[in-house]
Structures are given as structure tokens and as C-alpha cells.
Amino acid sequence: LPELRPYQRRAAYWMLKRERGDPITLGNKEESQFISPLSISVGFLDSASKMFFNPFSGNISLAPECFAPRIPGGILADEMGLGKTVELLACIFSHRKPAEDEISTFDGSPVTDD
């Protein structure tokens, strides 16, 4: 297997932490929810009540849509030729399942390697 360069190793480590939801890279989990800027407040004609409409998703609700302040994932935006494909493959290979002696099929019956 090829060895990653130091900057590729840092990028792969960063991607893993973002995927796993590391509290250090994602921020404090106890933070409050934010109201989505896509929700438009619409007042009812016959009362002082309001409803919230999201024109992008089509959702209508009596409470505004909320979302978490931190979102796992990110953008890998290295310069061309620095090995983004290798970094991505390193991230994928870090999630490999441990090798087992038996591989099961969809119906649950074991299949042995002969």
C-alpha cells in the first residue's frame, strides 16, 4: 500500500472526524437549534397566528423549521494534483469491515470460501 503524505494524512483524519461527529471539530452538542432561514412566516387572515412555509421543500407548519448548528461532512478542496482521490480512498478504506471466515448471503445462510 502507498504511504500518504503528511498533508494527505491530515485531510483523511479530518474527514474521518467529520464523518464520525467528533465534538471537537463539530462544536458543542448542547447548543440550541437554529431557525431555518428558508422558513417564511405567513400570517393567517382571520387570526394573529402564523404559519411557516418553506418554498424549497414545500413544508408548511405551525412551528418554524429548526436545524442543528453543526453539520457533519465538509468540502475537500485541495489544489489539483495533491491527491484528493487518494485522500478519499484512505477515508473509505478506514471504514472497511473486518475480515471474517464466513460470509453470509441475503437469506442468512453461511457461505464458506472453498
Protein backbone atom coordinates (compact mmCIF):
# COMPACT_ATOMS: atom_id res chain seq x y z
CA LEU A 1 0.00 0.00 0.00
CA PRO A 2 1.24 3.50 -0.73
CA GLU A 3 2.01 5.80 2.18
CA LEU A 4 0.11 9.05 2.46
CA ARG A 5 1.98 12.32 2.53
CA PRO A 6 1.60 14.34 5.75
CA TYR A 7 -0.99 16.75 4.30
CA GLN A 8 -2.97 13.82 2.86
CA ARG A 9 -2.90 12.09 6.24
CA ARG A 10 -4.21 15.26 7.91
CA ALA A 11 -7.00 15.56 5.32
CA ALA A 12 -8.04 11.91 5.75
CA TYR A 13 -8.00 12.33 9.54
CA TRP A 14 -10.15 15.47 9.25
CA MET A 15 -12.66 13.65 7.00
CA LEU A 16 -12.93 10.77 9.48
CA LYS A 17 -13.52 13.11 12.39
CA ARG A 18 -16.22 14.98 10.47
CA GLU A 19 -17.97 11.75 9.48
CA ARG A 20 -17.92 10.32 12.98
CA GLY A 21 -19.25 13.51 14.54
CA ASP A 22 -16.22 14.38 16.65
CA PRO A 23 -17.35 17.02 19.20
CA ILE A 24 -14.05 18.89 18.87
CA THR A 25 -14.44 19.51 15.12
CA LEU A 26 -18.24 19.89 15.17
CA GLY A 27 -18.65 22.10 18.22
CA ASN A 28 -20.65 21.74 21.42
CA LYS A 29 -23.61 19.34 21.16
CA GLU A 30 -25.64 21.20 23.79
CA GLU A 31 -26.02 24.29 21.63
CA SER A 32 -29.56 25.31 20.76
CA GLN A 33 -31.25 24.71 17.43
CA PHE A 34 -31.35 27.49 14.84
CA ILE A 35 -34.45 28.50 12.90
CA SER A 36 -34.02 27.76 9.22
CA PRO A 37 -33.61 30.92 7.12
CA LEU A 38 -35.66 29.17 4.42
CA SER A 39 -38.87 29.28 6.51
CA ILE A 40 -41.10 32.19 5.55
CA SER A 41 -43.53 33.45 8.18
CA VAL A 42 -47.07 33.80 6.81
CA GLY A 43 -49.89 35.26 8.89
CA PHE A 44 -53.46 33.94 8.85
CA LEU A 45 -56.12 36.39 7.64
CA ASP A 46 -58.65 35.65 10.40
CA SER A 47 -56.30 35.50 13.42
CA ALA A 48 -52.96 36.67 14.74
CA SER A 49 -51.49 33.17 14.35
CA LYS A 50 -48.69 32.45 11.93
CA MET A 51 -47.65 29.50 9.84
CA PHE A 52 -44.25 28.85 8.33
CA PHE A 53 -43.71 27.92 4.69
CA ASN A 54 -40.52 26.58 3.12
CA PRO A 55 -40.77 27.17 -0.66
CA PHE A 56 -37.79 24.90 -1.38
CA SER A 57 -39.13 21.77 0.36
CA GLY A 58 -42.84 22.63 0.24
CA ASN A 59 -43.22 22.14 4.01
CA ILE A 60 -45.93 24.06 5.83
CA SER A 61 -46.07 24.00 9.62
CA LEU A 62 -47.24 25.99 12.62
CA ALA A 63 -43.72 25.97 14.09
CA PRO A 64 -40.60 27.17 12.27
CA GLU A 65 -38.21 24.55 10.91
CA CYS A 66 -35.09 24.15 13.01
CA PHE A 67 -31.72 22.70 12.17
CA ALA A 68 -28.58 21.85 14.09
CA PRO A 69 -25.82 24.49 14.13
CA ARG A 70 -23.20 21.90 13.15
CA ILE A 71 -23.43 19.67 10.14
CA PRO A 72 -21.18 16.62 9.70
CA GLY A 73 -19.24 16.41 6.48
CA GLY A 74 -17.38 19.05 4.59
CA ILE A 75 -15.76 20.01 1.32
CA LEU A 76 -12.42 18.56 0.29
CA ALA A 77 -10.99 21.39 -1.79
CA ASP A 78 -7.27 20.74 -2.23
CA GLU A 79 -5.40 22.07 -5.23
CA MET A 80 -5.34 19.99 -8.38
CA GLY A 81 -2.74 17.22 -8.27
CA LEU A 82 -2.38 16.99 -4.48
CA GLY A 83 -4.15 13.63 -4.22
CA LYS A 84 -7.80 14.19 -3.35
CA THR A 85 -8.65 10.77 -4.78
CA VAL A 86 -6.02 9.11 -2.59
CA GLU A 87 -7.31 11.00 0.46
CA LEU A 88 -10.86 9.92 -0.28
CA LEU A 89 -9.79 6.30 -0.77
CA ALA A 90 -7.94 6.43 2.56
CA CYS A 91 -11.16 7.61 4.21
CA ILE A 92 -13.17 4.84 2.54
CA PHE A 93 -10.65 2.13 3.45
CA SER A 94 -10.64 3.25 7.08
CA HIS A 95 -14.29 2.12 7.27
CA ARG A 96 -13.61 -1.40 5.98
CA LYS A 97 -15.34 -4.26 7.68
CA PRO A 98 -13.06 -6.71 9.48
CA ALA A 99 -12.40 -9.89 7.51
CA GLU A 100 -14.49 -12.86 8.58
CA ASP A 101 -14.07 -16.52 7.80
CA GLU A 102 -17.68 -16.80 6.70
CA ILE A 103 -19.68 -14.50 4.50
CA SER A 104 -23.45 -14.72 4.82
CA THR A 105 -25.88 -14.34 1.94
CA PHE A 106 -29.13 -12.37 1.97
CA ASP A 107 -31.11 -15.31 3.38
CA GLY A 108 -28.72 -15.63 6.33
CA SER A 109 -27.17 -18.97 5.37
CA PRO A 110 -23.37 -19.00 5.69
CA VAL A 111 -21.19 -19.32 2.62
CA THR A 112 -17.68 -20.64 3.08
CA ASP A 113 -14.72 -19.85 0.88
CA ASP A 114 -13.81 -23.14 -0.89
